[in-house]
Amino acid sequence: MNMVPDASVFTAITGNDKILANGHPVSQWRTELRHIPNFRNALSITSIYVQTIGIIWAALSLHNPITYVIAFLLMGRAHAQLLALMHESVHRLLFRNRRLNDFAGRWLLGYMSFVNTDGYRYVHMAHHREEFGPNEPDIPLYANYPITRASFWRKMRRDGFGSTGFRMLRGQFMSIFKPDPQQLNTQRKIFAVHGVICLLSIIFVNPWVYVMLWLVPYITVWRVMNRLRSIAEHGGLRADSDRRITTHSVKQHLFSSFFFVPFNLGWHIAHHIDSGIPFRSLPRYHRQLRASGFVSDAYEYDSYLAIWRALRSRPEVIAGVK
């Protein structure tokens, strides 16, 4: 039992003036799609910081339980935003200047969410070279799907109550004391950034702002979001030269785009067919994939709720649970 689509859902295509038979864009159109808008991307980074500060200010000003809960959840979204653009920088699609791209990816995006951007680039490129291949770094996250409802909710509880996030953050902190000089240097930078943020929180507000409205959402809300997004991208699939067998496609809706997969992160089949296309061009690319027949309603899930239901559809008896 797996999540690989039946061969009958794949429409044979001959390509058109923009899409080749394998789903790749034709060379001339790809050049158009590859445009990187430096100024707009700088505004996007700025917007994350402005939104984050505004949410914290609103929560403290209104000072009631409902606004604190909303702010807590939105801080998970802030981490998702930072890491979506960090992912863009890893593909060197955030800024045309490589030094600026890498600086922003590290210091303004990745480090803010405890991510070693350069280390992530190394493993993420292995993921793109061959999904489910021998060097695939993320298989433990999305292997063996579909799973039972009980197993699914156990994972959600571990993530939602901070068990997964705390364990990973503790391991990351302990790596500071390991002899690997490159790892040591980068992790020190990451924790130095958070030391500065915590200090600013203490000086200008109080230490609980950093802890409860940045650190704890990272190890709880963000962890849930990260697992749900990852399994929706590749859960239960397998290695193949056809990206429709390695990568799910899910229709994008306003709420999911706002909260869950910001900056076009949800257009994942397009991203995996050609990982050199910047995020702003992915919806346009996806529309052409549908127009060509490469992506169809029979292949694409109607929503994230639909794919999550499918991902937890293994019957309990088959899994040996009575």
Foldseek 3Di string as FASTA:
>chain_A
DFDFDDPVLFDQFCADQFAHRLLHGPPVVLVVLLDADQVVLVVLLVVLVVVLVVLLVVCVVVVDPVSLVVLLLVLLLSLLSLVLLLVCLLLPRSDVDNVVSVCCSQPSGQLLLPHLSVVCSVQVVVCLVWPQDPSNPCCVLAPPFLAAPVVVVVQLVCQQVLVVLVVVVVVLVCCCPDPPVVSVVSSVVSVVSLVVVQVCCVVPPRNVCCVRNHVVSSSHSNSNLVSLLVNQFAHRAHIDPRLLRRTAAEDDDDVCCSRRNDLQNRLRSQCSSPVSRHSVSSVVSVVVCVVRSRDHPSRHHHHSVRVVCRSNVDDCVVVVHD
